Amino acid sequence: MGFIVEGDESGDVVLEPPPNFSMVEEGIFRSGFPRPCNFAFLQTLNLRSIIYLCPEPYPEENLEFLRSHNILLFQFGIEGKTEPSLASLKDAIRGALKILIDVRNHPVLIHCKRGKHRTGCLVGCLRKLQNWCLSSVFEEYQHFAGMKSRSADLRFIETFDIVCLRQCLHSIIYQYQGYGSKKRRLLYGEECTETPNNFDLNEESAHNINGRNSQFSLMV
């Protein structure tokens, strides 16, 4: 599937999204692994960051695209062929969620190899944080996984504990906005330059392409 847009005198430009591409929320997208033929499409998203869920090194041509468009890459290496340990999977998903819910990283693209299992687990845990009912979370996962749906992924999503992450988010909201505030989002500002001591960004798992640091600013 591709989108045709008007180009210059040389003809129209075909914009081809990555496989399994979809919008998760405003400013959050998901897909399979982007190839060079997808770069023109990705450019239209005005991405600030990419969350990459595979352990393999990012291809140089993809890195060059990120550098040329000032896009951050956050890598959380989750094994795909062999089932990762539960502890390492929880750590990776928790770290990726902390990056994902920071609105200053938006627009953000989440992807693994095919955009099904690892990406599906991360989006499923995000939905739990958003208080989706479990049946809807599973339905969304299975929509993208298709015949490749994994019961282990569904069990992981079902048992993933979001309480600790939500408590961390509450502490940030209260620190920056006060207990009486009814606002749902923390807006980016120069005054928000410190990360609370109880909020670990797992920086060892994040590759900062452009030398910028990320702070948390969203209460979901």
C-alpha atoms as a PDB file:
ATOM      1  CA  MET A   1       0.000   0.000   0.000  1.00  0.00           C
ATOM      2  CA  GLY A   2       1.277   3.470  -0.842  1.00  0.00           C
ATOM      3  CA  PHE A   3       0.166   7.055  -0.944  1.00  0.00           C
ATOM      4  CA  ILE A   4       0.647   9.242  -3.995  1.00  0.00           C
ATOM      5  CA  VAL A   5       1.362  12.917  -3.500  1.00  0.00           C
ATOM      6  CA  GLU A   6       1.994  15.607  -6.049  1.00  0.00           C
ATOM      7  CA  GLY A   7       5.662  16.079  -6.785  1.00  0.00           C
ATOM      8  CA  ASP A   8       7.668  18.420  -8.968  1.00  0.00           C
ATOM      9  CA  GLU A   9       8.038  18.308 -12.738  1.00  0.00           C
ATOM     10  CA  SER A  10       9.658  14.882 -12.480  1.00  0.00           C
ATOM     11  CA  GLY A  11       6.295  13.379 -11.520  1.00  0.00           C
ATOM     12  CA  ASP A  12       4.304  12.273  -8.492  1.00  0.00           C
ATOM     13  CA  VAL A  13       5.977  10.842  -5.408  1.00  0.00           C
ATOM     14  CA  VAL A  14       4.778   7.523  -3.984  1.00  0.00           C
ATOM     15  CA  LEU A  15       4.902   7.395  -0.188  1.00  0.00           C
ATOM     16  CA  GLU A  16       5.087   3.828   1.065  1.00  0.00           C
ATOM     17  CA  PRO A  17       4.520   3.213   4.792  1.00  0.00           C
ATOM     18  CA  PRO A  18       6.451   0.460   6.597  1.00  0.00           C
ATOM     19  CA  PRO A  19       4.697  -2.926   6.917  1.00  0.00           C
ATOM     20  CA  ASN A  20       2.017  -3.194   9.606  1.00  0.00           C
ATOM     21  CA  PHE A  21       1.974   0.585   9.979  1.00  0.00           C
ATOM     22  CA  SER A  22      -0.750   2.192  12.074  1.00  0.00           C
ATOM     23  CA  MET A  23      -1.397   5.084  14.426  1.00  0.00           C
ATOM     24  CA  VAL A  24      -1.657   4.062  18.087  1.00  0.00           C
ATOM     25  CA  GLU A  25      -2.545   7.472  19.469  1.00  0.00           C
ATOM     26  CA  GLU A  26      -1.984  11.024  18.336  1.00  0.00           C
ATOM     27  CA  GLY A  27       1.785  11.316  18.082  1.00  0.00           C
ATOM     28  CA  ILE A  28       2.405   7.557  18.528  1.00  0.00           C
ATOM     29  CA  PHE A  29       2.814   5.164  15.590  1.00  0.00           C
ATOM     30  CA  ARG A  30       3.726   1.488  15.179  1.00  0.00           C
ATOM     31  CA  SER A  31       5.090  -0.593  12.316  1.00  0.00           C
ATOM     32  CA  GLY A  32       7.429  -3.288  11.143  1.00  0.00           C
ATOM     33  CA  PHE A  33      11.058  -2.494  10.298  1.00  0.00           C
ATOM     34  CA  PRO A  34      11.324   0.567   8.028  1.00  0.00           C
ATOM     35  CA  ARG A  35      13.267   0.170   4.787  1.00  0.00           C
ATOM     36  CA  PRO A  36      14.760   2.933   2.652  1.00  0.00           C
ATOM     37  CA  CYS A  37      11.662   2.899   0.437  1.00  0.00           C
ATOM     38  CA  ASN A  38       9.688   3.969   3.532  1.00  0.00           C
ATOM     39  CA  PHE A  39      11.866   6.947   4.451  1.00  0.00           C
ATOM     40  CA  ALA A  40       9.884   9.469   2.399  1.00  0.00           C
ATOM     41  CA  PHE A  41       6.706   8.399   4.191  1.00  0.00           C
ATOM     42  CA  LEU A  42       8.354   8.554   7.628  1.00  0.00           C
ATOM     43  CA  GLN A  43       9.528  12.062   6.846  1.00  0.00           C
ATOM     44  CA  THR A  44       5.887  13.182   6.642  1.00  0.00           C
ATOM     45  CA  LEU A  45       5.345  12.096  10.272  1.00  0.00           C
ATOM     46  CA  ASN A  46       7.891  14.652  11.565  1.00  0.00           C
ATOM     47  CA  LEU A  47       9.221  12.058  13.993  1.00  0.00           C
ATOM     48  CA  ARG A  48      11.223  13.108  17.031  1.00  0.00           C
ATOM     49  CA  SER A  49      12.140   9.579  18.072  1.00  0.00           C
ATOM     50  CA  ILE A  50      12.019   5.874  17.274  1.00  0.00           C
ATOM     51  CA  ILE A  51      11.708   3.038  19.791  1.00  0.00           C
ATOM     52  CA  TYR A  52      13.452  -0.028  18.366  1.00  0.00           C
ATOM     53  CA  LEU A  53      12.715  -3.343  20.121  1.00  0.00           C
ATOM     54  CA  CYS A  54      15.262  -5.687  18.500  1.00  0.00           C
ATOM     55  CA  PRO A  55      18.797  -6.554  19.709  1.00  0.00           C
ATOM     56  CA  GLU A  56      20.402  -6.343  16.254  1.00  0.00           C
ATOM     57  CA  PRO A  57      22.365  -3.187  15.369  1.00  0.00           C
ATOM     58  CA  TYR A  58      20.400  -0.561  13.497  1.00  0.00           C
ATOM     59  CA  PRO A  59      21.386  -0.482   9.796  1.00  0.00           C
ATOM     60  CA  GLU A  60      23.700   2.363   8.850  1.00  0.00           C
ATOM     61  CA  GLU A  61      21.331   3.639   6.148  1.00  0.00           C
ATOM     62  CA  ASN A  62      18.573   3.909   8.766  1.00  0.00           C
ATOM     63  CA  LEU A  63      20.916   5.659  11.179  1.00  0.00           C
ATOM     64  CA  GLU A  64      21.846   8.141   8.492  1.00  0.00           C
ATOM     65  CA  PHE A  65      18.171   8.900   7.919  1.00  0.00           C
ATOM     66  CA  LEU A  66      17.711   9.526  11.645  1.00  0.00           C
ATOM     67  CA  ARG A  67      20.762  11.771  11.837  1.00  0.00           C
ATOM     68  CA  SER A  68      19.717  13.794   8.812  1.00  0.00           C
ATOM     69  CA  HIS A  69      16.255  14.425  10.309  1.00  0.00           C
ATOM     70  CA  ASN A  70      17.324  14.919  13.936  1.00  0.00           C
ATOM     71  CA  ILE A  71      15.458  11.805  15.162  1.00  0.00           C
ATOM     72  CA  LEU A  72      16.388  10.056  18.411  1.00  0.00           C
ATOM     73  CA  LEU A  73      16.790   6.274  18.515  1.00  0.00           C
ATOM     74  CA  PHE A  74      15.965   4.371  21.710  1.00  0.00           C
ATOM     75  CA  GLN A  75      16.873   0.678  21.474  1.00  0.00           C
ATOM     76  CA  PHE A  76      15.568  -2.016  23.807  1.00  0.00           C
ATOM     77  CA  GLY A  77      16.928  -5.344  22.603  1.00  0.00           C
ATOM     78  CA  ILE A  78      14.229  -7.990  23.022  1.00  0.00           C
ATOM     79  CA  GLU A  79      15.016 -11.373  21.490  1.00  0.00           C
ATOM     80  CA  GLY A  80      12.550 -12.487  18.841  1.00  0.00           C
ATOM     81  CA  LYS A  81      13.574 -16.007  17.832  1.00  0.00           C
ATOM     82  CA  THR A  82      14.011 -17.315  21.362  1.00  0.00           C
ATOM     83  CA  GLU A  83      11.678 -16.469  24.223  1.00  0.00           C
ATOM     84  CA  PRO A  84      13.451 -13.909  26.460  1.00  0.00           C
ATOM     85  CA  SER A  85      13.536 -14.306  30.208  1.00  0.00           C
ATOM     86  CA  LEU A  86      10.543 -12.797  31.941  1.00  0.00           C
ATOM     87  CA  ALA A  87      12.721 -10.446  33.983  1.00  0.00           C
ATOM     88  CA  SER A  88      14.580  -9.055  30.968  1.00  0.00           C
ATOM     89  CA  LEU A  89      11.344  -8.666  29.005  1.00  0.00           C
ATOM     90  CA  LYS A  90       9.714  -6.768  31.873  1.00  0.00           C
ATOM     91  CA  ASP A  91      12.738  -4.481  32.197  1.00  0.00           C
ATOM     92  CA  ALA A  92      12.794  -3.742  28.465  1.00  0.00           C
ATOM     93  CA  ILE A  93       9.059  -3.056  28.211  1.00  0.00           C
ATOM     94  CA  ARG A  94       9.099  -0.910  31.343  1.00  0.00           C
ATOM     95  CA  GLY A  95      12.019   1.119  30.012  1.00  0.00           C
ATOM     96  CA  ALA A  96      10.398   1.521  26.601  1.00  0.00           C
ATOM     97  CA  LEU A  97       7.127   2.634  28.201  1.00  0.00           C
ATOM     98  CA  LYS A  98       8.922   5.384  30.083  1.00  0.00           C
ATOM     99  CA  ILE A  99      10.246   6.726  26.806  1.00  0.00           C
ATOM    100  CA  LEU A 100       6.920   6.235  25.029  1.00  0.00           C
ATOM    101  CA  ILE A 101       4.794   8.225  27.467  1.00  0.00           C
ATOM    102  CA  ASP A 102       7.096  11.251  27.449  1.00  0.00           C
ATOM    103  CA  VAL A 103       5.312  13.690  25.130  1.00  0.00           C
ATOM    104  CA  ARG A 104       8.600  15.434  24.360  1.00  0.00           C
ATOM    105  CA  ASN A 105       9.614  12.306  22.407  1.00  0.00           C
ATOM    106  CA  HIS A 106       6.500  12.595  20.239  1.00  0.00           C
ATOM    107  CA  PRO A 107       5.835  11.998  17.427  1.00  0.00           C
ATOM    108  CA  VAL A 108       7.359   8.580  18.049  1.00  0.00           C
ATOM    109  CA  LEU A 109       7.442   5.362  16.008  1.00  0.00           C
ATOM    110  CA  ILE A 110       7.572   1.959  17.741  1.00  0.00           C
ATOM    111  CA  HIS A 111       8.868  -0.942  15.691  1.00  0.00           C
ATOM    112  CA  CYS A 112      10.486  -4.344  15.874  1.00  0.00           C
ATOM    113  CA  LYS A 113      11.037  -6.607  12.867  1.00  0.00           C
ATOM    114  CA  ARG A 114       7.475  -7.253  11.722  1.00  0.00           C
ATOM    115  CA  GLY A 115       5.519  -5.007  14.097  1.00  0.00           C
ATOM    116  CA  LYS A 116       3.633  -7.928  15.602  1.00  0.00           C
ATOM    117  CA  HIS A 117       4.919  -9.509  18.818  1.00  0.00           C
ATOM    118  CA  ARG A 118       7.402  -7.202  20.532  1.00  0.00           C
ATOM    119  CA  THR A 119       5.626  -4.088  19.307  1.00  0.00           C
ATOM    120  CA  GLY A 120       2.309  -5.681  20.234  1.00  0.00           C
ATOM    121  CA  CYS A 121       3.503  -6.357  23.788  1.00  0.00           C
ATOM    122  CA  LEU A 122       4.619  -2.749  24.256  1.00  0.00           C
ATOM    123  CA  VAL A 123       1.387  -1.311  22.847  1.00  0.00           C
ATOM    124  CA  GLY A 124      -0.640  -3.796  24.918  1.00  0.00           C
ATOM    125  CA  CYS A 125       1.054  -2.643  28.121  1.00  0.00           C
ATOM    126  CA  LEU A 126       0.461   0.975  27.112  1.00  0.00           C
ATOM    127  CA  ARG A 127      -3.234   0.158  26.728  1.00  0.00           C
ATOM    128  CA  LYS A 128      -3.279  -1.262  30.258  1.00  0.00           C
ATOM    129  CA  LEU A 129      -1.768   1.988  31.486  1.00  0.00           C
ATOM    130  CA  GLN A 130      -4.630   3.742  29.653  1.00  0.00           C
ATOM    131  CA  ASN A 131      -7.146   1.517  31.488  1.00  0.00           C
ATOM    132  CA  TRP A 132      -8.326  -0.385  28.419  1.00  0.00           C
ATOM    133  CA  CYS A 133     -10.296  -3.531  29.207  1.00  0.00           C
ATOM    134  CA  LEU A 134      -8.242  -6.670  28.648  1.00  0.00           C
ATOM    135  CA  SER A 135     -10.485  -8.017  25.881  1.00  0.00           C
ATOM    136  CA  SER A 136      -9.891  -4.855  23.819  1.00  0.00           C
ATOM    137  CA  VAL A 137      -6.149  -5.045  24.463  1.00  0.00           C
ATOM    138  CA  PHE A 138      -6.083  -8.636  23.226  1.00  0.00           C
ATOM    139  CA  GLU A 139      -8.221  -7.807  20.198  1.00  0.00           C
ATOM    140  CA  GLU A 140      -5.791  -5.084  19.120  1.00  0.00           C
ATOM    141  CA  TYR A 141      -2.782  -7.367  19.628  1.00  0.00           C
ATOM    142  CA  GLN A 142      -4.375 -10.159  17.583  1.00  0.00           C
ATOM    143  CA  HIS A 143      -5.373  -7.747  14.813  1.00  0.00           C
ATOM    144  CA  PHE A 144      -1.708  -7.001  14.099  1.00  0.00           C
ATOM    145  CA  ALA A 145      -0.318 -10.457  14.949  1.00  0.00           C
ATOM    146  CA  GLY A 146      -2.864 -12.283  12.812  1.00  0.00           C
ATOM    147  CA  MET A 147      -2.197 -16.011  12.558  1.00  0.00           C
ATOM    148  CA  LYS A 148       1.117 -15.439  14.360  1.00  0.00           C
ATOM    149  CA  SER A 149      -0.558 -14.557  17.679  1.00  0.00           C
ATOM    150  CA  ARG A 150       1.400 -15.895  20.661  1.00  0.00           C
ATOM    151  CA  SER A 151      -0.275 -17.002  23.859  1.00  0.00           C
ATOM    152  CA  ALA A 152       2.926 -16.167  25.774  1.00  0.00           C
ATOM    153  CA  ASP A 153       2.617 -12.530  24.664  1.00  0.00           C
ATOM    154  CA  LEU A 154      -0.994 -12.376  25.816  1.00  0.00           C
ATOM    155  CA  ARG A 155      -0.046 -13.832  29.206  1.00  0.00           C
ATOM    156  CA  PHE A 156       2.742 -11.296  29.532  1.00  0.00           C
ATOM    157  CA  ILE A 157       0.416  -8.385  28.768  1.00  0.00           C
ATOM    158  CA  GLU A 158      -2.211  -9.738  31.164  1.00  0.00           C
ATOM    159  CA  THR A 159       0.234 -10.090  34.067  1.00  0.00           C
ATOM    160  CA  PHE A 160       2.324  -6.964  33.400  1.00  0.00           C
ATOM    161  CA  ASP A 161       2.252  -4.809  36.539  1.00  0.00           C
ATOM    162  CA  ILE A 162       1.679  -1.144  35.754  1.00  0.00           C
ATOM    163  CA  VAL A 163       1.242  -0.055  39.373  1.00  0.00           C
ATOM    164  CA  CYS A 164       4.879   0.877  39.897  1.00  0.00           C
ATOM    165  CA  LEU A 165       5.021   2.856  36.654  1.00  0.00           C
ATOM    166  CA  ARG A 166       1.778   4.651  37.456  1.00  0.00           C
ATOM    167  CA  GLN A 167       3.081   5.573  40.919  1.00  0.00           C
ATOM    168  CA  CYS A 168       6.175   7.074  39.309  1.00  0.00           C
ATOM    169  CA  LEU A 169       3.986   9.095  36.958  1.00  0.00           C
ATOM    170  CA  HIS A 170       1.925  10.361  39.864  1.00  0.00           C
ATOM    171  CA  SER A 171       5.034  11.511  41.688  1.00  0.00           C
ATOM    172  CA  ILE A 172       6.124  13.530  38.661  1.00  0.00           C
ATOM    173  CA  ILE A 173       2.702  15.096  38.128  1.00  0.00           C
ATOM    174  CA  TYR A 174       2.509  16.130  41.763  1.00  0.00           C
ATOM    175  CA  GLN A 175       6.022  17.519  41.787  1.00  0.00           C
ATOM    176  CA  TYR A 176       5.611  19.655  38.668  1.00  0.00           C
ATOM    177  CA  GLN A 177       1.930  20.618  38.799  1.00  0.00           C
ATOM    178  CA  GLY A 178       0.751  20.312  42.387  1.00  0.00           C
ATOM    179  CA  TYR A 179      -1.774  17.959  43.890  1.00  0.00           C
ATOM    180  CA  GLY A 180      -4.767  20.126  42.977  1.00  0.00           C
ATOM    181  CA  SER A 181      -4.102  20.322  39.257  1.00  0.00           C
ATOM    182  CA  LYS A 182      -6.619  18.791  36.873  1.00  0.00           C
ATOM    183  CA  LYS A 183      -4.372  18.964  33.812  1.00  0.00           C
ATOM    184  CA  ARG A 184      -3.606  15.625  32.152  1.00  0.00           C
ATOM    185  CA  ARG A 185      -0.391  16.662  30.432  1.00  0.00           C
ATOM    186  CA  LEU A 186       2.793  18.301  31.544  1.00  0.00           C
ATOM    187  CA  LEU A 187       3.939  20.703  28.870  1.00  0.00           C
ATOM    188  CA  TYR A 188       7.590  20.924  27.920  1.00  0.00           C
ATOM    189  CA  GLY A 189       9.386  23.812  29.564  1.00  0.00           C
ATOM    190  CA  GLU A 190      12.861  24.855  30.488  1.00  0.00           C
ATOM    191  CA  GLU A 191      11.902  24.634  34.164  1.00  0.00           C
ATOM    192  CA  CYS A 192      11.417  20.843  33.869  1.00  0.00           C
ATOM    193  CA  THR A 193      15.080  19.979  33.616  1.00  0.00           C
ATOM    194  CA  GLU A 194      15.513  17.466  36.426  1.00  0.00           C
ATOM    195  CA  THR A 195      14.304  13.913  36.689  1.00  0.00           C
ATOM    196  CA  PRO A 196      12.976  12.842  40.123  1.00  0.00           C
ATOM    197  CA  ASN A 197      15.338  10.510  41.949  1.00  0.00           C
ATOM    198  CA  ASN A 198      12.763   7.697  42.046  1.00  0.00           C
ATOM    199  CA  PHE A 199      12.305   7.686  38.267  1.00  0.00           C
ATOM    200  CA  ASP A 200      14.939   5.638  36.459  1.00  0.00           C
ATOM    201  CA  LEU A 201      15.101   6.392  32.723  1.00  0.00           C
ATOM    202  CA  ASN A 202      17.207   3.293  32.031  1.00  0.00           C
ATOM    203  CA  GLU A 203      19.627   5.383  29.970  1.00  0.00           C
ATOM    204  CA  GLU A 204      21.871   2.401  29.284  1.00  0.00           C
ATOM    205  CA  SER A 205      19.102   1.012  27.076  1.00  0.00           C
ATOM    206  CA  ALA A 206      18.589   4.228  25.137  1.00  0.00           C
ATOM    207  CA  HIS A 207      20.780   5.405  22.279  1.00  0.00           C
ATOM    208  CA  ASN A 208      20.737   9.192  21.984  1.00  0.00           C
ATOM    209  CA  ILE A 209      21.617   9.911  18.345  1.00  0.00           C
ATOM    210  CA  ASN A 210      21.751  13.666  18.716  1.00  0.00           C
ATOM    211  CA  GLY A 211      23.083  14.070  22.237  1.00  0.00           C
ATOM    212  CA  ARG A 212      19.776  15.236  23.738  1.00  0.00           C
ATOM    213  CA  ASN A 213      18.362  13.928  27.017  1.00  0.00           C
ATOM    214  CA  SER A 214      14.785  12.917  27.625  1.00  0.00           C
ATOM    215  CA  GLN A 215      12.614  13.849  30.632  1.00  0.00           C
ATOM    216  CA  PHE A 216       9.148  12.574  31.478  1.00  0.00           C
ATOM    217  CA  SER A 217       6.217  14.898  30.990  1.00  0.00           C
ATOM    218  CA  LEU A 218       3.001  12.950  30.405  1.00  0.00           C
ATOM    219  CA  MET A 219       0.352  11.740  32.800  1.00  0.00           C
ATOM    220  CA  VAL A 220      -1.919   9.235  31.069  1.00  0.00           C
END
